[in-house]
Amino acid sequence: MADRISDPIGRLMGLRYKSHPWHGVFIGEKSPEELTAFIEVVSTDTVKYEIDKDSGYLRIDRPQKFSNVVPALYGFIPQTYCGDKVGEYCNQKAGRKNIKGDGDPIDICVLTEKNIAHGDLLVNARPIGGFRMIDGNQADDKIIAVLRNDTMYGHFKDISEVPKIVIQRLEHYFLTYKDMPGHESNTEITDTYGVEEAYEVIRLSVEDYNEKFANLGKLLS
């Protein structure tokens, strides 16, 4: 059995209807060590795409105003939610008191040497660390992962093994991708964390998801 949402009704419906990438895709039996990620944006995109939470289709969020592009596959982890538990964990680690979850699935960047032509796809990924990012007063963690069996990045076990320039490029993207002329961004990365802390953020986000969408599971059980 996959999980309480995907099986058996979800899989039966999937024969006729497309599964919702957030709710209808199983995170994976080996999570958090290995999981399924839904990719919205690839490194050649000059437009920021984001999942439409109601329909499950990709929607154009905004054209990038400047030349920065994400140097990795970028998307989210299905059946996760950045809620109270993730927000409180961010408070503890960052020494804050007012941080809340941003109400989105947990973001993930997947490192690979391959040029992937487009988003709207699923990949098998292994988390190796993450950024503790805060946007205003909201937790907005970015999990860093590697594509499973990738020739260049697949052997990395922890973010500390990744070349520093790769991490710096990711940091620069997330600190500037919301920049707009005349608008001052209010995002910060308080620290970079390793694989075990990434696992904990994912576990907490799954707990947040199960609490937030408990009724969805009951309806399908």
C-alpha atoms as a PDB file:
ATOM      1  CA  MET A   1       0.000   0.000   0.000  1.00  0.00           C
ATOM      2  CA  ALA A   2       1.256   3.499  -0.830  1.00  0.00           C
ATOM      3  CA  ASP A   3      -0.490   5.749   1.707  1.00  0.00           C
ATOM      4  CA  ARG A   4      -3.960   6.539   3.009  1.00  0.00           C
ATOM      5  CA  ILE A   5      -4.601   9.167   0.328  1.00  0.00           C
ATOM      6  CA  SER A   6      -3.116   7.528  -2.761  1.00  0.00           C
ATOM      7  CA  ASP A   7      -4.360   3.990  -2.155  1.00  0.00           C
ATOM      8  CA  PRO A   8      -6.747   2.486  -3.081  1.00  0.00           C
ATOM      9  CA  ILE A   9      -9.168   5.193  -4.239  1.00  0.00           C
ATOM     10  CA  GLY A  10      -6.448   7.599  -5.362  1.00  0.00           C
ATOM     11  CA  ARG A  11      -4.817   5.046  -7.619  1.00  0.00           C
ATOM     12  CA  LEU A  12      -8.168   4.024  -9.062  1.00  0.00           C
ATOM     13  CA  MET A  13      -9.024   7.662  -9.834  1.00  0.00           C
ATOM     14  CA  GLY A  14      -5.563   8.084 -11.326  1.00  0.00           C
ATOM     15  CA  LEU A  15      -6.508   5.740 -14.143  1.00  0.00           C
ATOM     16  CA  ARG A  16      -8.840   8.443 -15.436  1.00  0.00           C
ATOM     17  CA  TYR A  17      -7.808  11.697 -13.782  1.00  0.00           C
ATOM     18  CA  LYS A  18      -4.464  13.371 -13.171  1.00  0.00           C
ATOM     19  CA  SER A  19      -3.399  13.219  -9.529  1.00  0.00           C
ATOM     20  CA  HIS A  20      -2.960  16.519  -7.726  1.00  0.00           C
ATOM     21  CA  PRO A  21       0.845  16.960  -7.334  1.00  0.00           C
ATOM     22  CA  TRP A  22       0.527  18.164  -3.734  1.00  0.00           C
ATOM     23  CA  HIS A  23      -2.081  15.772  -2.364  1.00  0.00           C
ATOM     24  CA  GLY A  24      -2.241  12.859  -4.782  1.00  0.00           C
ATOM     25  CA  VAL A  25       1.467  11.987  -5.060  1.00  0.00           C
ATOM     26  CA  PHE A  26       3.026   9.793  -2.373  1.00  0.00           C
ATOM     27  CA  ILE A  27       6.116  11.257  -0.701  1.00  0.00           C
ATOM     28  CA  GLY A  28       7.731   7.800  -0.712  1.00  0.00           C
ATOM     29  CA  GLU A  29       8.151   4.844   1.632  1.00  0.00           C
ATOM     30  CA  LYS A  30      11.801   5.725   2.360  1.00  0.00           C
ATOM     31  CA  SER A  31      11.099   9.355   3.244  1.00  0.00           C
ATOM     32  CA  PRO A  32      12.852  11.440   4.496  1.00  0.00           C
ATOM     33  CA  GLU A  33      16.040   9.667   3.349  1.00  0.00           C
ATOM     34  CA  GLU A  34      14.711   9.323  -0.195  1.00  0.00           C
ATOM     35  CA  LEU A  35      11.558  10.914  -1.530  1.00  0.00           C
ATOM     36  CA  THR A  36       9.532  12.046  -4.521  1.00  0.00           C
ATOM     37  CA  ALA A  37       9.767  15.720  -5.482  1.00  0.00           C
ATOM     38  CA  PHE A  38       7.527  17.627  -7.882  1.00  0.00           C
ATOM     39  CA  ILE A  39       9.541  20.006 -10.075  1.00  0.00           C
ATOM     40  CA  GLU A  40       7.965  23.321 -11.075  1.00  0.00           C
ATOM     41  CA  VAL A  41      10.961  25.258 -12.436  1.00  0.00           C
ATOM     42  CA  VAL A  42      14.180  24.242 -14.213  1.00  0.00           C
ATOM     43  CA  SER A  43      17.391  26.204 -14.688  1.00  0.00           C
ATOM     44  CA  THR A  44      16.518  27.436 -18.197  1.00  0.00           C
ATOM     45  CA  ASP A  45      13.199  28.997 -17.145  1.00  0.00           C
ATOM     46  CA  THR A  46      13.039  32.781 -17.245  1.00  0.00           C
ATOM     47  CA  VAL A  47       9.486  32.639 -15.897  1.00  0.00           C
ATOM     48  CA  LYS A  48       8.686  31.559 -12.333  1.00  0.00           C
ATOM     49  CA  TYR A  49       6.074  28.817 -12.351  1.00  0.00           C
ATOM     50  CA  GLU A  50       4.167  27.755  -9.264  1.00  0.00           C
ATOM     51  CA  ILE A  51       1.586  25.077  -8.583  1.00  0.00           C
ATOM     52  CA  ASP A  52      -2.012  26.261  -8.494  1.00  0.00           C
ATOM     53  CA  LYS A  53      -3.168  24.801  -5.182  1.00  0.00           C
ATOM     54  CA  ASP A  54      -6.787  24.411  -6.250  1.00  0.00           C
ATOM     55  CA  SER A  55      -6.375  22.728  -9.634  1.00  0.00           C
ATOM     56  CA  GLY A  56      -2.921  21.156  -9.386  1.00  0.00           C
ATOM     57  CA  TYR A  57      -1.815  22.697 -12.688  1.00  0.00           C
ATOM     58  CA  LEU A  58       1.220  24.941 -13.099  1.00  0.00           C
ATOM     59  CA  ARG A  59       0.476  28.644 -13.175  1.00  0.00           C
ATOM     60  CA  ILE A  60       2.764  31.489 -14.249  1.00  0.00           C
ATOM     61  CA  ASP A  61       3.703  33.218 -11.019  1.00  0.00           C
ATOM     62  CA  ARG A  62       5.779  36.004 -12.545  1.00  0.00           C
ATOM     63  CA  PRO A  63       8.406  36.641 -15.222  1.00  0.00           C
ATOM     64  CA  GLN A  64      11.847  37.091 -13.706  1.00  0.00           C
ATOM     65  CA  LYS A  65      12.668  40.815 -13.793  1.00  0.00           C
ATOM     66  CA  PHE A  66      16.408  40.250 -13.762  1.00  0.00           C
ATOM     67  CA  SER A  67      18.791  37.680 -15.241  1.00  0.00           C
ATOM     68  CA  ASN A  68      18.994  35.342 -12.254  1.00  0.00           C
ATOM     69  CA  VAL A  69      17.802  31.779 -12.842  1.00  0.00           C
ATOM     70  CA  VAL A  70      17.630  28.947 -10.324  1.00  0.00           C
ATOM     71  CA  PRO A  71      20.777  26.780 -10.617  1.00  0.00           C
ATOM     72  CA  ALA A  72      18.933  23.538  -9.855  1.00  0.00           C
ATOM     73  CA  LEU A  73      15.600  21.818 -10.294  1.00  0.00           C
ATOM     74  CA  TYR A  74      13.126  23.639  -8.044  1.00  0.00           C
ATOM     75  CA  GLY A  75       9.785  22.494  -6.728  1.00  0.00           C
ATOM     76  CA  PHE A  76       8.197  21.042  -3.604  1.00  0.00           C
ATOM     77  CA  ILE A  77       7.769  17.862  -1.594  1.00  0.00           C
ATOM     78  CA  PRO A  78       4.266  16.350  -1.938  1.00  0.00           C
ATOM     79  CA  GLN A  79       2.168  15.775   1.194  1.00  0.00           C
ATOM     80  CA  THR A  80       4.138  18.265   3.274  1.00  0.00           C
ATOM     81  CA  TYR A  81       2.963  21.536   4.809  1.00  0.00           C
ATOM     82  CA  CYS A  82       4.880  24.398   6.386  1.00  0.00           C
ATOM     83  CA  GLY A  83       2.668  24.933   9.412  1.00  0.00           C
ATOM     84  CA  ASP A  84       2.918  25.365  13.181  1.00  0.00           C
ATOM     85  CA  LYS A  85       5.492  22.643  13.818  1.00  0.00           C
ATOM     86  CA  VAL A  86       7.869  23.840  11.106  1.00  0.00           C
ATOM     87  CA  GLY A  87       7.402  27.443  12.223  1.00  0.00           C
ATOM     88  CA  GLU A  88       8.149  26.608  15.845  1.00  0.00           C
ATOM     89  CA  TYR A  89      11.225  24.607  14.841  1.00  0.00           C
ATOM     90  CA  CYS A  90      12.455  27.621  12.905  1.00  0.00           C
ATOM     91  CA  ASN A  91      11.897  29.796  15.998  1.00  0.00           C
ATOM     92  CA  GLN A  92      13.978  27.417  18.125  1.00  0.00           C
ATOM     93  CA  LYS A  93      16.864  27.196  15.682  1.00  0.00           C
ATOM     94  CA  ALA A  94      16.930  30.869  14.675  1.00  0.00           C
ATOM     95  CA  GLY A  95      16.362  32.235  18.178  1.00  0.00           C
ATOM     96  CA  ARG A  96      13.137  33.981  17.162  1.00  0.00           C
ATOM     97  CA  LYS A  97       9.649  34.096  18.665  1.00  0.00           C
ATOM     98  CA  ASN A  98       7.338  35.349  15.939  1.00  0.00           C
ATOM     99  CA  ILE A  99       8.003  32.990  13.008  1.00  0.00           C
ATOM    100  CA  LYS A 100       5.083  31.090  11.505  1.00  0.00           C
ATOM    101  CA  GLY A 101       4.854  28.522   8.744  1.00  0.00           C
ATOM    102  CA  ASP A 102       4.151  30.019   5.321  1.00  0.00           C
ATOM    103  CA  GLY A 103       1.258  27.667   4.543  1.00  0.00           C
ATOM    104  CA  ASP A 104       2.896  26.057   1.505  1.00  0.00           C
ATOM    105  CA  PRO A 105       4.391  22.638   0.850  1.00  0.00           C
ATOM    106  CA  ILE A 106       8.101  22.438   1.668  1.00  0.00           C
ATOM    107  CA  ASP A 107      10.310  23.728  -1.150  1.00  0.00           C
ATOM    108  CA  ILE A 108      13.116  21.591  -2.532  1.00  0.00           C
ATOM    109  CA  CYS A 109      16.074  22.141  -4.861  1.00  0.00           C
ATOM    110  CA  VAL A 110      17.430  19.043  -6.591  1.00  0.00           C
ATOM    111  CA  LEU A 111      21.009  19.129  -7.859  1.00  0.00           C
ATOM    112  CA  THR A 112      21.807  17.300 -11.090  1.00  0.00           C
ATOM    113  CA  GLU A 113      24.335  17.546 -13.910  1.00  0.00           C
ATOM    114  CA  LYS A 114      21.634  16.869 -16.500  1.00  0.00           C
ATOM    115  CA  ASN A 115      19.805  19.566 -18.434  1.00  0.00           C
ATOM    116  CA  ILE A 116      16.113  18.967 -17.833  1.00  0.00           C
ATOM    117  CA  ALA A 117      14.023  20.686 -20.504  1.00  0.00           C
ATOM    118  CA  HIS A 118      10.886  21.516 -18.516  1.00  0.00           C
ATOM    119  CA  GLY A 119       9.161  21.257 -15.180  1.00  0.00           C
ATOM    120  CA  ASP A 120       5.828  19.621 -14.279  1.00  0.00           C
ATOM    121  CA  LEU A 121       7.504  16.306 -13.519  1.00  0.00           C
ATOM    122  CA  LEU A 122       8.383  13.976 -10.653  1.00  0.00           C
ATOM    123  CA  VAL A 123      11.930  13.023  -9.638  1.00  0.00           C
ATOM    124  CA  ASN A 124      13.472  10.718  -7.054  1.00  0.00           C
ATOM    125  CA  ALA A 125      15.643  12.792  -4.740  1.00  0.00           C
ATOM    126  CA  ARG A 126      17.841  12.342  -1.645  1.00  0.00           C
ATOM    127  CA  PRO A 127      17.882  15.298   0.780  1.00  0.00           C
ATOM    128  CA  ILE A 128      21.368  16.342   1.952  1.00  0.00           C
ATOM    129  CA  GLY A 129      20.656  19.589   3.835  1.00  0.00           C
ATOM    130  CA  GLY A 130      18.850  22.880   3.509  1.00  0.00           C
ATOM    131  CA  PHE A 131      18.603  26.634   4.028  1.00  0.00           C
ATOM    132  CA  ARG A 132      16.742  28.108   6.970  1.00  0.00           C
ATOM    133  CA  MET A 133      15.091  30.910   5.043  1.00  0.00           C
ATOM    134  CA  ILE A 134      12.740  33.466   6.589  1.00  0.00           C
ATOM    135  CA  ASP A 135      10.469  35.654   4.476  1.00  0.00           C
ATOM    136  CA  GLY A 136       9.121  38.464   6.624  1.00  0.00           C
ATOM    137  CA  ASN A 137       7.907  36.534   9.663  1.00  0.00           C
ATOM    138  CA  GLN A 138       7.327  33.237   7.825  1.00  0.00           C
ATOM    139  CA  ALA A 139       9.440  30.092   7.719  1.00  0.00           C
ATOM    140  CA  ASP A 140      10.310  29.256   4.116  1.00  0.00           C
ATOM    141  CA  ASP A 141      12.831  26.410   4.340  1.00  0.00           C
ATOM    142  CA  LYS A 142      14.571  25.241   1.166  1.00  0.00           C
ATOM    143  CA  ILE A 143      15.563  21.590   1.276  1.00  0.00           C
ATOM    144  CA  ILE A 144      18.657  20.817  -0.823  1.00  0.00           C
ATOM    145  CA  ALA A 145      18.726  17.371  -2.414  1.00  0.00           C
ATOM    146  CA  VAL A 146      20.516  15.417  -5.120  1.00  0.00           C
ATOM    147  CA  LEU A 147      18.935  13.512  -7.968  1.00  0.00           C
ATOM    148  CA  ARG A 148      19.139   9.819  -7.183  1.00  0.00           C
ATOM    149  CA  ASN A 149      21.946   8.105  -9.137  1.00  0.00           C
ATOM    150  CA  ASP A 150      23.116  11.405 -10.663  1.00  0.00           C
ATOM    151  CA  THR A 151      26.663  10.997 -12.004  1.00  0.00           C
ATOM    152  CA  MET A 152      28.028  14.259 -10.590  1.00  0.00           C
ATOM    153  CA  TYR A 153      25.960  14.875  -7.443  1.00  0.00           C
ATOM    154  CA  GLY A 154      24.445  11.484  -6.623  1.00  0.00           C
ATOM    155  CA  HIS A 155      27.240  10.404  -4.263  1.00  0.00           C
ATOM    156  CA  PHE A 156      26.929  13.399  -1.910  1.00  0.00           C
ATOM    157  CA  LYS A 157      25.540  12.496   1.513  1.00  0.00           C
ATOM    158  CA  ASP A 158      25.594  15.924   3.188  1.00  0.00           C
ATOM    159  CA  ILE A 159      25.490  19.523   2.035  1.00  0.00           C
ATOM    160  CA  SER A 160      28.999  20.045   3.462  1.00  0.00           C
ATOM    161  CA  GLU A 161      30.370  17.901   0.611  1.00  0.00           C
ATOM    162  CA  VAL A 162      28.898  20.112  -2.138  1.00  0.00           C
ATOM    163  CA  PRO A 163      31.290  22.646  -3.730  1.00  0.00           C
ATOM    164  CA  LYS A 164      30.900  25.992  -1.968  1.00  0.00           C
ATOM    165  CA  ILE A 165      30.172  27.889  -5.193  1.00  0.00           C
ATOM    166  CA  VAL A 166      27.109  25.711  -5.840  1.00  0.00           C
ATOM    167  CA  ILE A 167      25.677  26.611  -2.437  1.00  0.00           C
ATOM    168  CA  GLN A 168      26.520  30.283  -2.927  1.00  0.00           C
ATOM    169  CA  ARG A 169      24.660  30.350  -6.235  1.00  0.00           C
ATOM    170  CA  LEU A 170      21.582  28.835  -4.621  1.00  0.00           C
ATOM    171  CA  GLU A 171      21.763  31.323  -1.746  1.00  0.00           C
ATOM    172  CA  HIS A 172      22.088  34.233  -4.165  1.00  0.00           C
ATOM    173  CA  TYR A 173      19.074  33.100  -6.143  1.00  0.00           C
ATOM    174  CA  PHE A 174      16.798  32.822  -3.141  1.00  0.00           C
ATOM    175  CA  LEU A 175      17.933  36.125  -1.687  1.00  0.00           C
ATOM    176  CA  THR A 176      17.277  37.981  -4.947  1.00  0.00           C
ATOM    177  CA  TYR A 177      14.561  36.153  -6.906  1.00  0.00           C
ATOM    178  CA  LYS A 178      11.805  38.278  -5.396  1.00  0.00           C
ATOM    179  CA  ASP A 179      13.587  41.557  -6.090  1.00  0.00           C
ATOM    180  CA  MET A 180      11.482  44.072  -7.995  1.00  0.00           C
ATOM    181  CA  PRO A 181      12.342  47.631  -9.052  1.00  0.00           C
ATOM    182  CA  GLY A 182      11.359  49.914  -6.185  1.00  0.00           C
ATOM    183  CA  HIS A 183      10.570  46.991  -3.881  1.00  0.00           C
ATOM    184  CA  GLU A 184      12.841  45.934  -1.039  1.00  0.00           C
ATOM    185  CA  SER A 185      12.864  42.184  -0.414  1.00  0.00           C
ATOM    186  CA  ASN A 186      12.463  41.043   3.192  1.00  0.00           C
ATOM    187  CA  THR A 187      14.034  37.596   2.937  1.00  0.00           C
ATOM    188  CA  GLU A 188      17.021  36.211   4.803  1.00  0.00           C
ATOM    189  CA  ILE A 189      18.868  32.923   5.158  1.00  0.00           C
ATOM    190  CA  THR A 190      19.819  32.596   8.808  1.00  0.00           C
ATOM    191  CA  ASP A 191      21.912  29.463   8.355  1.00  0.00           C
ATOM    192  CA  THR A 192      22.628  26.394   6.264  1.00  0.00           C
ATOM    193  CA  TYR A 193      21.981  22.999   7.863  1.00  0.00           C
ATOM    194  CA  GLY A 194      23.000  19.416   7.203  1.00  0.00           C
ATOM    195  CA  VAL A 195      21.209  16.234   6.311  1.00  0.00           C
ATOM    196  CA  GLU A 196      19.874  15.274   9.765  1.00  0.00           C
ATOM    197  CA  GLU A 197      18.241  18.662  10.256  1.00  0.00           C
ATOM    198  CA  ALA A 198      16.762  18.441   6.760  1.00  0.00           C
ATOM    199  CA  TYR A 199      15.208  15.122   7.759  1.00  0.00           C
ATOM    200  CA  GLU A 200      13.688  16.747  10.842  1.00  0.00           C
ATOM    201  CA  VAL A 201      12.177  19.634   8.843  1.00  0.00           C
ATOM    202  CA  ILE A 202      10.622  17.109   6.444  1.00  0.00           C
ATOM    203  CA  ARG A 203       9.252  14.965   9.293  1.00  0.00           C
ATOM    204  CA  LEU A 204       7.690  18.009  10.956  1.00  0.00           C
ATOM    205  CA  SER A 205       6.202  19.168   7.648  1.00  0.00           C
ATOM    206  CA  VAL A 206       4.590  15.755   7.166  1.00  0.00           C
ATOM    207  CA  GLU A 207       3.086  16.036  10.672  1.00  0.00           C
ATOM    208  CA  ASP A 208       1.835  19.538   9.828  1.00  0.00           C
ATOM    209  CA  TYR A 209       0.322  18.182   6.613  1.00  0.00           C
ATOM    210  CA  ASN A 210      -1.437  15.301   8.356  1.00  0.00           C
ATOM    211  CA  GLU A 211      -2.964  17.712  10.874  1.00  0.00           C
ATOM    212  CA  LYS A 212      -3.934  20.334   8.291  1.00  0.00           C
ATOM    213  CA  PHE A 213      -5.514  17.860   5.886  1.00  0.00           C
ATOM    214  CA  ALA A 214      -6.783  15.235   8.330  1.00  0.00           C
ATOM    215  CA  ASN A 215     -10.294  15.478   6.868  1.00  0.00           C
ATOM    216  CA  LEU A 216      -8.971  14.739   3.387  1.00  0.00           C
ATOM    217  CA  GLY A 217      -7.530  11.458   4.611  1.00  0.00           C
ATOM    218  CA  LYS A 218     -10.798  10.553   6.333  1.00  0.00           C
ATOM    219  CA  LEU A 219     -12.817  11.216   3.200  1.00  0.00           C
ATOM    220  CA  LEU A 220     -10.634   8.870   1.165  1.00  0.00           C
ATOM    221  CA  SER A 221     -10.325   6.109   3.748  1.00  0.00           C
END
